[in-house]
Amino acid sequence: MHAKQMQAPDAIPRIAGEFERAFARPSGGLLRTYRADDAETVALALGSVLGTVEDVVDELRDRREAVGVVGLKCFRPYPLDEVRRALSGAKRVVPEKAFAVGAGGIVGQNVRLALSGLPIQVYDVVGGLDESTAKFEARRCLSCGNCFACDNCFGVCPDNAVIKLDDPGPYRYEIDLDFCKGCGLCAEECPCGAIEMEPEWI
């Protein structure tokens, strides 16, 4: 099983390239960078938080701050060489997500391993809410079953199967069933229970 896993870092980019050539749109890969080429500070994140981090990067770039983001698309097997290449020009890296009590940030540990021997500072950050945001979130219903266009499903789908509609009407997203593999990540990430998974018998 381990041997098969270790073949994935070669296979995933090749398959992602074939997918993009066939369907004219990207699909995953090992990682992707956003405005990170000349960045001194790089956030490294994975999952649905990436869209939010990219928005923050845009705002900071407008203020002439040299920041970027690396989105990790494959966590296991960990793409050690690719992460090292993507982050090697940074002065500092801020990994987000997955905190283990007593051990610290799991993502950060892997980043430190990838950057071993390089003079790059790594600062673990666990994303959270400040007091005013926490109070705002507590005042609104997140489980009423009504979509409020948070983009979680759109951001987390590994197959780009969630389509944001230009003229939404009663529905704000559409699932392209030609690309959806039924992984259920969109339903898991939906904070209001607006997406239901139904088994398909074949």
Protein backbone atom coordinates (compact mmCIF):
# COMPACT_ATOMS: atom_id res chain seq x y z
CA MET A 1 0.00 0.00 0.00
CA HIS A 2 2.82 2.42 0.89
CA ALA A 3 4.60 1.67 -2.40
CA LYS A 4 1.44 2.49 -4.35
CA GLN A 5 0.99 5.72 -2.39
CA MET A 6 4.52 6.79 -3.23
CA GLN A 7 3.76 6.44 -6.95
CA ALA A 8 0.98 9.02 -6.62
CA PRO A 9 3.19 12.18 -6.71
CA ASP A 10 4.23 11.21 -10.26
CA ALA A 11 0.78 10.03 -11.34
CA ILE A 12 -1.33 12.92 -9.98
CA PRO A 13 0.23 15.74 -12.08
CA ARG A 14 0.19 13.55 -15.19
CA ILE A 15 -3.50 12.69 -14.75
CA ALA A 16 -4.34 16.32 -13.88
CA GLY A 17 -2.59 17.41 -17.09
CA GLU A 18 -4.56 14.88 -19.14
CA PHE A 19 -7.78 16.10 -17.52
CA GLU A 20 -7.01 19.75 -18.31
CA ARG A 21 -6.16 18.97 -21.93
CA ALA A 22 -9.36 16.96 -22.35
CA PHE A 23 -11.77 19.31 -20.57
CA ALA A 24 -10.01 22.71 -20.79
CA ARG A 25 -10.09 23.28 -17.04
CA PRO A 26 -7.71 22.41 -14.20
CA SER A 27 -8.34 19.65 -11.72
CA GLY A 28 -6.31 19.49 -8.54
CA GLY A 29 -2.75 18.38 -9.03
CA LEU A 30 -0.34 18.32 -6.08
CA LEU A 31 -0.46 22.04 -5.26
CA ARG A 32 -1.13 25.40 -6.84
CA THR A 33 0.34 28.81 -6.17
CA TYR A 34 -1.37 32.19 -6.14
CA ARG A 35 0.69 35.38 -6.40
CA ALA A 36 3.53 33.57 -4.64
CA ASP A 37 6.42 33.97 -7.10
CA ASP A 38 7.84 37.15 -5.53
CA ALA A 39 6.16 36.80 -2.12
CA GLU A 40 8.19 37.26 1.05
CA THR A 41 5.36 35.89 3.20
CA VAL A 42 3.49 32.83 1.92
CA ALA A 43 0.42 31.31 3.51
CA LEU A 44 0.06 27.59 2.97
CA ALA A 45 -3.45 26.24 3.28
CA LEU A 46 -5.73 23.50 2.07
CA GLY A 47 -9.46 22.99 1.68
CA SER A 48 -12.26 25.53 1.69
CA VAL A 49 -10.24 28.28 3.40
CA LEU A 50 -8.15 28.79 0.23
CA GLY A 51 -10.62 31.13 -1.45
CA THR A 52 -10.73 33.36 1.62
CA VAL A 53 -6.93 33.40 1.90
CA GLU A 54 -6.64 34.38 -1.78
CA ASP A 55 -9.05 37.29 -1.21
CA VAL A 56 -6.89 38.47 1.70
CA VAL A 57 -3.77 38.16 -0.48
CA ASP A 58 -5.41 40.40 -3.10
CA GLU A 59 -6.20 43.03 -0.47
CA LEU A 60 -2.65 42.95 0.93
CA ARG A 61 -1.15 43.10 -2.57
CA ASP A 62 -3.22 46.26 -3.19
CA ARG A 63 -1.35 47.69 -0.17
CA ARG A 64 1.95 46.65 -1.81
CA GLU A 65 2.65 43.85 0.65
CA ALA A 66 4.61 40.95 -0.84
CA VAL A 67 2.35 38.05 0.12
CA GLY A 68 1.11 34.95 -1.68
CA VAL A 69 -0.46 31.60 -1.04
CA VAL A 70 0.30 27.98 -1.81
CA GLY A 71 -2.73 25.73 -1.93
CA LEU A 72 -1.93 22.15 -1.00
CA LYS A 73 -4.12 19.85 -3.11
CA CYS A 74 -2.57 16.55 -2.00
CA PHE A 75 -1.71 15.97 1.66
CA ARG A 76 -0.94 12.24 1.58
CA PRO A 77 1.40 11.27 0.15
CA TYR A 78 2.96 14.60 1.06
CA PRO A 79 4.53 16.32 -1.99
CA LEU A 80 7.76 17.20 -0.16
CA ASP A 81 9.85 18.30 -3.16
CA GLU A 82 7.06 20.35 -4.72
CA VAL A 83 6.35 22.16 -1.43
CA ARG A 84 10.07 22.91 -0.99
CA ARG A 85 10.30 24.35 -4.52
CA ALA A 86 7.14 26.44 -4.13
CA LEU A 87 8.24 27.95 -0.80
CA SER A 88 12.01 28.22 -1.29
CA GLY A 89 11.93 31.92 -2.23
CA ALA A 90 9.91 33.03 0.81
CA LYS A 91 11.25 34.60 3.99
CA ARG A 92 8.45 33.27 6.12
CA VAL A 93 5.68 30.68 5.74
CA VAL A 94 2.40 30.62 7.61
CA PRO A 95 0.74 27.19 7.49
CA GLU A 96 -2.90 27.00 8.55
CA LYS A 97 -5.17 24.17 9.71
CA ALA A 98 -5.07 20.86 11.58
CA PHE A 99 -3.85 21.48 15.12
CA ALA A 100 -2.87 18.52 17.28
CA VAL A 101 -2.96 19.16 21.04
CA GLY A 102 0.50 18.63 22.47
CA ALA A 103 2.14 18.51 19.04
CA GLY A 104 1.14 21.77 17.34
CA GLY A 105 0.20 22.28 13.72
CA ILE A 106 0.27 19.07 11.68
CA VAL A 107 0.55 20.97 8.40
CA GLY A 108 3.33 23.09 9.93
CA GLN A 109 5.34 19.99 10.88
CA ASN A 110 5.23 18.81 7.28
CA VAL A 111 6.23 22.26 6.00
CA ARG A 112 9.21 22.34 8.37
CA LEU A 113 10.27 18.94 7.06
CA ALA A 114 10.05 20.18 3.46
CA LEU A 115 12.05 23.33 4.27
CA SER A 116 14.70 21.61 6.37
CA GLY A 117 18.06 23.40 5.99
CA LEU A 118 16.56 26.56 4.45
CA PRO A 119 16.59 29.88 6.35
CA ILE A 120 12.81 30.27 6.29
CA GLN A 121 10.73 31.00 9.40
CA VAL A 122 7.58 28.89 9.80
CA TYR A 123 4.76 30.28 11.96
CA ASP A 124 1.82 27.99 12.76
CA VAL A 125 -1.59 29.65 12.64
CA VAL A 126 -4.87 27.97 13.47
CA GLY A 127 -7.63 29.91 11.78
CA GLY A 128 -10.34 31.17 14.10
CA LEU A 129 -12.71 34.03 14.79
CA ASP A 130 -12.08 37.29 16.56
CA GLU A 131 -14.63 38.37 19.17
CA SER A 132 -16.78 40.55 16.89
CA THR A 133 -16.90 37.91 14.14
CA ALA A 134 -17.74 35.17 16.64
CA LYS A 135 -20.67 37.23 17.96
CA PHE A 136 -21.90 37.90 14.43
CA GLU A 137 -21.74 34.20 13.54
CA ALA A 138 -23.54 33.27 16.77
CA ARG A 139 -26.46 35.58 15.91
CA ARG A 140 -27.28 33.95 12.60
CA CYS A 141 -28.71 30.54 11.80
CA LEU A 142 -26.28 28.23 10.03
CA SER A 143 -28.45 25.12 9.93
CA CYS A 144 -31.72 26.26 8.43
CA GLY A 145 -31.20 24.36 5.18
CA ASN A 146 -31.13 27.52 3.07
CA CYS A 147 -28.02 28.25 1.00
CA PHE A 148 -26.51 31.67 1.66
CA ALA A 149 -23.76 31.44 -1.01
CA CYS A 150 -20.79 30.97 1.32
CA ASP A 151 -18.85 29.27 -1.54
CA ASN A 152 -17.68 26.39 0.69
CA CYS A 153 -18.95 23.75 -1.75
CA PHE A 154 -17.46 25.65 -4.70
CA GLY A 155 -14.07 25.95 -3.00
CA VAL A 156 -13.74 22.44 -1.62
CA CYS A 157 -14.78 20.37 -4.65
CA PRO A 158 -11.67 18.52 -5.89
CA ASP A 159 -13.19 17.92 -9.33
CA ASN A 160 -14.54 21.40 -10.14
CA ALA A 161 -18.00 19.88 -10.35
CA VAL A 162 -19.71 22.73 -8.46
CA ILE A 163 -20.67 25.56 -10.80
CA LYS A 164 -21.52 29.03 -9.51
CA LEU A 165 -24.50 30.34 -11.46
CA ASP A 166 -24.38 33.85 -12.96
CA ASP A 167 -28.15 34.29 -12.69
CA PRO A 168 -28.90 32.13 -9.65
CA GLY A 169 -32.66 32.41 -9.22
CA PRO A 170 -33.71 30.01 -6.43
CA TYR A 171 -30.43 28.03 -6.72
CA ARG A 172 -26.96 29.56 -6.45
CA TYR A 173 -24.92 26.54 -7.54
CA GLU A 174 -25.29 23.63 -9.89
CA ILE A 175 -23.58 20.25 -9.71
CA ASP A 176 -22.09 19.02 -12.99
CA LEU A 177 -22.83 15.31 -12.68
CA ASP A 178 -20.43 14.54 -15.54
CA PHE A 179 -17.58 15.54 -13.22
CA CYS A 180 -18.98 14.80 -9.75
CA LYS A 181 -17.61 11.54 -8.30
CA GLY A 182 -19.85 11.62 -5.23
CA CYS A 183 -17.12 12.19 -2.63
CA GLY A 184 -19.52 14.19 -0.42
CA LEU A 185 -17.04 16.95 0.52
CA CYS A 186 -19.50 19.64 -0.56
CA ALA A 187 -22.19 18.27 1.77
CA GLU A 188 -19.71 17.95 4.65
CA GLU A 189 -18.51 21.54 4.23
CA CYS A 190 -21.99 23.07 3.84
CA PRO A 191 -22.67 24.91 7.13
CA CYS A 192 -26.44 25.00 6.68
CA GLY A 193 -27.25 21.50 5.46
CA ALA A 194 -28.43 22.67 2.04
CA ILE A 195 -26.76 19.76 0.20
CA GLU A 196 -27.97 16.20 0.59
CA MET A 197 -26.15 13.15 -0.74
CA GLU A 198 -28.33 10.39 -2.17
CA PRO A 199 -26.98 6.91 -2.94
CA GLU A 200 -27.02 5.98 -6.59
CA TRP A 201 -27.57 2.32 -7.30
CA ILE A 202 -25.84 0.91 -10.34
